Amino acid sequence: MKLPFALARRFVAAETFEETVPKIKAINAKNIRVTLDLLGENVKEKTTADETVEIYIQLLENIKAAALTSTISIKLTMMGLDIDEEYCKKNLYKLLDKARELDSFVRIDMEASDYTQSTIDIFKDAFEKYGKHVGIVIQAYLHRTAKDIEDLAELGADVRLCKGAYKEPGNIAIQSMPEIREAFKSYAKVLLEKTAFPRIATHDDELIDWIKTYTEEKKIGKERFEFQMLYGLREETMEQLVKDGYQARVYVPYGTMWFPYFKRRLMERKENIFFVLSTMFKK
């Protein structure tokens, strides 16, 4: 049985780009940038991966045509990473050629830990070739992240730092939230010191307040970094950050393959489950 999309409306903007556009414009009107995320993962067939690349290319063109203040994020498993790494890289470069042509930007999302090394390797090659048109996501809870952050910061990479969204075992990822927060703060310091414009992705008030205090103490201007949050969460907080002079961006997911993303959002916080259940039957 297909679950109704109404369940996911809290976290997913729409099932089509056309339906998403008014929501992006409403966010942009509040001086908040957008990263558009076409949902999906783990493509196994080359025909599907090839189609996905063309969809991404069209998405970049549609964003420009609609005059949206938006970039895109992509998953390498949607571009064939499970099929062949070189094939995936070729697809990514095809997309980045279009991003460079349109003076746009593509963020490579980080997936589960099985893909971490290959994602970083592909990103480094792409960054050498495309520079400012490509960025990566790094998850603070992984034990390996300390070295990854140092390496990427030395390159001057565009990094989006988040806590981490996948269920990982203790030998791979930190399990304690206080420890994850301390790791996040440590990596944020490195990015703020060594990179031009780090992206701080969190809904955690402790981390938001810490970033504000730390950057003020270090005399790091509000124009030098960006707070990022997910669509459907902390909207008033984002609006207040902009009013306070900070840079802000919302990740806006859309598409028909919404269930895995929706499930991860529900599992993150029990409050999310209560919200969905309480609004299921409202008109």
Protein backbone atom coordinates (compact mmCIF):
# COMPACT_ATOMS: atom_id res chain seq x y z
CA MET A 1 0.00 0.00 0.00
CA LYS A 2 1.32 3.41 -0.94
CA LEU A 3 1.42 5.78 2.00
CA PRO A 4 -0.22 9.17 1.40
CA PHE A 5 2.13 12.07 0.78
CA ALA A 6 0.13 14.08 3.32
CA LEU A 7 2.10 12.21 6.00
CA ALA A 8 5.37 13.74 4.79
CA ARG A 9 4.28 17.34 4.24
CA ARG A 10 5.93 18.39 7.49
CA PHE A 11 9.38 17.64 6.08
CA VAL A 12 8.99 17.37 2.28
CA ALA A 13 7.90 20.40 0.24
CA ALA A 14 6.12 18.62 -2.62
CA GLU A 15 6.37 15.73 -5.05
CA THR A 16 7.18 17.89 -8.11
CA PHE A 17 9.46 20.83 -8.83
CA GLU A 18 6.53 22.94 -10.04
CA GLU A 19 4.72 22.48 -6.73
CA THR A 20 7.92 23.31 -4.84
CA VAL A 21 8.61 26.64 -6.56
CA PRO A 22 6.05 28.75 -4.59
CA LYS A 23 7.46 27.39 -1.32
CA ILE A 24 11.01 28.29 -2.35
CA LYS A 25 9.89 31.78 -3.33
CA ALA A 26 8.19 32.22 0.05
CA ILE A 27 11.42 31.23 1.82
CA ASN A 28 13.54 33.48 -0.42
CA ALA A 29 11.17 36.38 0.34
CA LYS A 30 12.35 36.14 3.95
CA ASN A 31 15.99 36.55 2.78
CA ILE A 32 16.69 32.88 3.38
CA ARG A 33 18.55 30.90 0.74
CA VAL A 34 17.52 27.40 -0.31
CA THR A 35 19.23 24.16 -1.22
CA LEU A 36 16.90 21.96 -3.24
CA ASP A 37 17.18 18.22 -2.66
CA LEU A 38 15.58 15.74 -5.09
CA LEU A 39 14.90 12.73 -2.88
CA GLY A 40 16.12 9.24 -3.72
CA GLU A 41 19.09 6.93 -3.20
CA ASN A 42 20.84 3.69 -4.18
CA VAL A 43 20.23 3.49 -7.92
CA LYS A 44 21.28 0.08 -9.29
CA GLU A 45 20.70 0.50 -13.05
CA LYS A 46 22.70 2.71 -15.41
CA THR A 47 19.59 3.78 -17.28
CA THR A 48 18.10 5.14 -14.05
CA ALA A 49 21.36 6.87 -13.07
CA ASP A 50 21.62 8.46 -16.52
CA GLU A 51 18.03 9.71 -16.23
CA THR A 52 18.79 11.12 -12.78
CA VAL A 53 21.75 13.12 -14.11
CA GLU A 54 19.51 14.65 -16.79
CA ILE A 55 16.90 15.48 -14.15
CA TYR A 56 19.56 17.21 -12.04
CA ILE A 57 20.77 19.18 -15.07
CA GLN A 58 17.22 20.25 -15.87
CA LEU A 59 16.74 21.19 -12.22
CA LEU A 60 19.69 23.61 -12.37
CA GLU A 61 18.22 25.17 -15.51
CA ASN A 62 14.75 25.40 -13.96
CA ILE A 63 16.11 27.11 -10.85
CA LYS A 64 17.80 29.74 -13.00
CA ALA A 65 14.73 30.21 -15.20
CA ALA A 66 12.52 30.70 -12.13
CA ALA A 67 15.03 33.19 -10.64
CA LEU A 68 15.20 31.28 -7.36
CA THR A 69 17.92 31.86 -4.77
CA SER A 70 18.69 28.17 -4.63
CA THR A 71 21.40 25.62 -5.29
CA ILE A 72 21.02 21.82 -5.27
CA SER A 73 22.26 18.86 -3.27
CA ILE A 74 22.77 15.39 -4.72
CA LYS A 75 23.45 11.86 -3.55
CA LEU A 76 26.20 9.98 -5.35
CA THR A 77 24.26 6.72 -5.00
CA MET A 78 21.61 8.30 -7.24
CA MET A 79 24.30 8.88 -9.86
CA GLY A 80 25.60 5.34 -9.94
CA LEU A 81 28.04 4.99 -7.03
CA ASP A 82 26.72 1.49 -6.30
CA ILE A 83 27.32 0.57 -9.94
CA ASP A 84 30.86 1.86 -10.52
CA GLU A 85 32.86 4.67 -8.96
CA GLU A 86 34.36 5.96 -12.22
CA TYR A 87 30.96 5.88 -13.89
CA CYS A 88 29.52 7.88 -10.98
CA LYS A 89 32.34 10.41 -11.23
CA LYS A 90 31.70 10.84 -14.96
CA ASN A 91 28.03 11.56 -14.22
CA LEU A 92 28.96 14.04 -11.50
CA TYR A 93 31.31 15.89 -13.83
CA LYS A 94 28.58 16.15 -16.44
CA LEU A 95 26.36 17.81 -13.84
CA LEU A 96 29.15 20.07 -12.62
CA ASP A 97 29.85 21.21 -16.18
CA LYS A 98 26.30 22.57 -16.20
CA ALA A 99 26.69 24.08 -12.72
CA ARG A 100 29.82 25.92 -13.86
CA GLU A 101 28.09 27.08 -17.04
CA LEU A 102 25.22 28.54 -14.99
CA ASP A 103 27.51 29.78 -12.19
CA SER A 104 25.61 27.56 -9.77
CA PHE A 105 26.62 25.12 -7.04
CA VAL A 106 26.18 21.43 -6.23
CA ARG A 107 26.43 20.04 -2.70
CA ILE A 108 27.39 16.36 -2.45
CA ASP A 109 25.43 14.86 0.43
CA MET A 110 27.05 12.41 2.80
CA GLU A 111 25.35 9.05 3.02
CA ALA A 112 25.84 6.11 5.39
CA SER A 113 29.38 5.23 6.53
CA ASP A 114 29.88 2.57 3.85
CA TYR A 115 30.08 5.45 1.36
CA THR A 116 32.14 7.97 3.35
CA GLN A 117 35.56 7.28 1.85
CA SER A 118 34.40 7.03 -1.76
CA THR A 119 32.31 10.19 -1.38
CA ILE A 120 35.28 12.15 -0.04
CA ASP A 121 37.60 10.77 -2.73
CA ILE A 122 35.18 11.74 -5.51
CA PHE A 123 34.62 15.15 -3.96
CA LYS A 124 38.35 15.90 -3.75
CA ASP A 125 38.79 15.11 -7.44
CA ALA A 126 35.75 17.20 -8.33
CA PHE A 127 36.89 20.10 -6.16
CA GLU A 128 40.26 20.19 -7.90
CA LYS A 129 38.48 20.48 -11.24
CA TYR A 130 35.41 22.61 -10.39
CA GLY A 131 36.43 24.57 -7.28
CA LYS A 132 33.69 26.89 -5.97
CA HIS A 133 30.94 25.01 -7.81
CA VAL A 134 31.02 21.93 -5.58
CA GLY A 135 30.85 21.25 -1.83
CA ILE A 136 30.50 18.33 0.56
CA VAL A 137 28.72 17.36 3.77
CA ILE A 138 30.65 16.00 6.77
CA GLN A 139 29.05 14.28 9.76
CA ALA A 140 30.45 15.19 13.17
CA TYR A 141 29.55 11.92 14.90
CA LEU A 142 31.90 9.71 12.88
CA HIS A 143 35.18 8.85 14.63
CA ARG A 144 37.09 9.46 11.40
CA THR A 145 35.80 13.01 11.01
CA ALA A 146 38.65 14.71 12.90
CA LYS A 147 41.11 13.80 10.14
CA ASP A 148 38.59 14.39 7.33
CA ILE A 149 37.84 17.90 8.57
CA GLU A 150 41.53 18.79 8.79
CA ASP A 151 42.16 17.48 5.26
CA LEU A 152 39.17 19.27 3.74
CA ALA A 153 39.93 22.50 5.59
CA GLU A 154 43.49 22.49 4.26
CA LEU A 155 42.03 22.23 0.75
CA GLY A 156 39.75 25.19 1.46
CA ALA A 157 36.71 23.06 0.67
CA ASP A 158 33.13 24.24 1.05
CA VAL A 159 31.92 22.06 3.93
CA ARG A 160 28.47 21.64 5.42
CA LEU A 161 28.92 20.34 8.98
CA CYS A 162 26.07 18.36 10.53
CA LYS A 163 25.77 15.94 13.46
CA GLY A 164 24.89 12.90 11.33
CA ALA A 165 21.61 11.34 10.24
CA TYR A 166 22.25 7.59 9.95
CA LYS A 167 22.18 4.85 12.57
CA GLU A 168 25.83 3.80 12.96
CA PRO A 169 27.49 1.40 15.46
CA GLY A 170 29.79 2.52 18.25
CA ASN A 171 32.97 1.46 16.50
CA ILE A 172 32.16 3.90 13.67
CA ALA A 173 30.27 6.75 15.33
CA ILE A 174 30.02 8.53 18.69
CA GLN A 175 26.84 7.46 20.50
CA SER A 176 26.59 10.08 23.26
CA MET A 177 24.90 13.38 22.33
CA PRO A 178 27.10 15.49 24.66
CA GLU A 179 30.18 13.98 22.97
CA ILE A 180 28.72 14.59 19.51
CA ARG A 181 28.14 18.24 20.43
CA GLU A 182 31.74 18.63 21.61
CA ALA A 183 33.02 17.07 18.39
CA PHE A 184 30.77 19.37 16.37
CA LYS A 185 32.16 22.43 18.18
CA SER A 186 35.74 21.29 17.61
CA TYR A 187 35.20 20.81 13.87
CA ALA A 188 33.30 24.09 13.56
CA LYS A 189 36.34 25.89 15.01
CA VAL A 190 38.58 24.34 12.34
CA LEU A 191 36.20 25.30 9.53
CA LEU A 192 35.73 28.85 10.81
CA GLU A 193 39.50 29.29 11.06
CA LYS A 194 40.57 27.67 7.79
CA THR A 195 37.72 27.91 5.28
CA ALA A 196 36.09 30.89 3.63
CA PHE A 197 32.41 30.18 4.32
CA PRO A 198 31.52 27.16 6.48
CA ARG A 199 27.93 25.94 6.63
CA ILE A 200 26.72 25.15 10.14
CA ALA A 201 23.82 22.71 9.87
CA THR A 202 22.00 22.20 13.17
CA HIS A 203 18.67 22.65 14.93
CA ASP A 204 20.33 22.32 18.34
CA ASP A 205 19.98 25.47 20.46
CA GLU A 206 23.13 24.66 22.42
CA LEU A 207 25.19 24.58 19.22
CA ILE A 208 23.48 27.63 17.70
CA ASP A 209 24.14 29.68 20.85
CA TRP A 210 27.72 28.39 21.01
CA ILE A 211 28.40 29.41 17.40
CA LYS A 212 27.01 32.88 18.06
CA THR A 213 29.16 33.34 21.18
CA TYR A 214 32.32 31.83 19.67
CA THR A 215 32.18 33.90 16.47
CA GLU A 216 31.51 37.06 18.44
CA GLU A 217 34.47 36.39 20.76
CA LYS A 218 36.75 35.65 17.79
CA LYS A 219 35.42 38.66 15.87
CA ILE A 220 34.25 36.46 13.00
CA GLY A 221 31.69 38.42 11.01
CA LYS A 222 28.15 37.16 10.53
CA GLU A 223 28.72 37.30 6.78
CA ARG A 224 31.51 34.69 7.08
CA PHE A 225 29.37 31.62 7.74
CA GLU A 226 25.87 30.27 7.30
CA PHE A 227 23.33 28.56 9.54
CA GLN A 228 21.42 25.75 7.81
CA MET A 229 18.28 23.90 8.83
CA LEU A 230 15.87 21.43 7.27
CA TYR A 231 12.54 22.33 5.73
CA GLY A 232 9.67 22.16 8.21
CA LEU A 233 11.80 22.62 11.32
CA ARG A 234 12.61 25.76 13.36
CA GLU A 235 11.13 28.20 10.82
CA GLU A 236 10.76 31.00 13.35
CA THR A 237 14.34 30.46 14.52
CA MET A 238 15.61 30.84 10.95
CA GLU A 239 13.64 34.04 10.46
CA GLN A 240 15.02 35.44 13.70
CA LEU A 241 18.59 34.55 12.71
CA VAL A 242 18.15 36.57 9.51
CA LYS A 243 16.70 39.50 11.47
CA ASP A 244 19.78 39.31 13.71
CA GLY A 245 22.05 39.63 10.68
CA TYR A 246 23.12 36.02 10.17
CA GLN A 247 23.23 34.15 6.87
CA ALA A 248 20.65 31.36 6.66
CA ARG A 249 19.70 28.53 4.32
CA VAL A 250 16.96 25.91 4.33
CA TYR A 251 17.36 22.44 2.80
CA VAL A 252 14.14 21.82 0.85
CA PRO A 253 13.56 18.19 -0.14
CA TYR A 254 11.01 17.23 -2.78
CA GLY A 255 10.12 14.26 -4.97
CA THR A 256 8.16 11.03 -5.00
CA MET A 257 10.89 8.97 -3.27
CA TRP A 258 10.22 10.64 0.05
CA PHE A 259 9.67 7.74 2.45
CA PRO A 260 13.31 6.95 3.53
CA TYR A 261 13.93 10.65 4.21
CA PHE A 262 10.61 10.99 6.05
CA LYS A 263 11.42 7.94 8.18
CA ARG A 264 14.83 9.37 9.19
CA ARG A 265 13.23 12.64 10.25
CA LEU A 266 10.68 10.79 12.39
CA MET A 267 13.37 8.69 14.06
CA GLU A 268 15.47 11.72 15.00
CA ARG A 269 13.05 13.15 17.55
CA LYS A 270 9.91 11.79 19.17
CA GLU A 271 8.37 15.27 18.88
CA ASN A 272 8.37 14.85 15.10
CA ILE A 273 6.23 11.71 15.39
CA PHE A 274 3.76 13.48 17.67
CA PHE A 275 3.52 16.39 15.23
CA VAL A 276 2.72 14.17 12.25
CA LEU A 277 0.15 12.14 14.18
CA SER A 278 -1.54 15.28 15.49
CA THR A 279 -1.88 16.82 12.03
CA MET A 280 -2.77 13.73 9.96
CA PHE A 281 -6.49 14.35 10.06
CA LYS A 282 -6.51 18.15 9.93
CA LYS A 283 -7.65 19.80 6.72
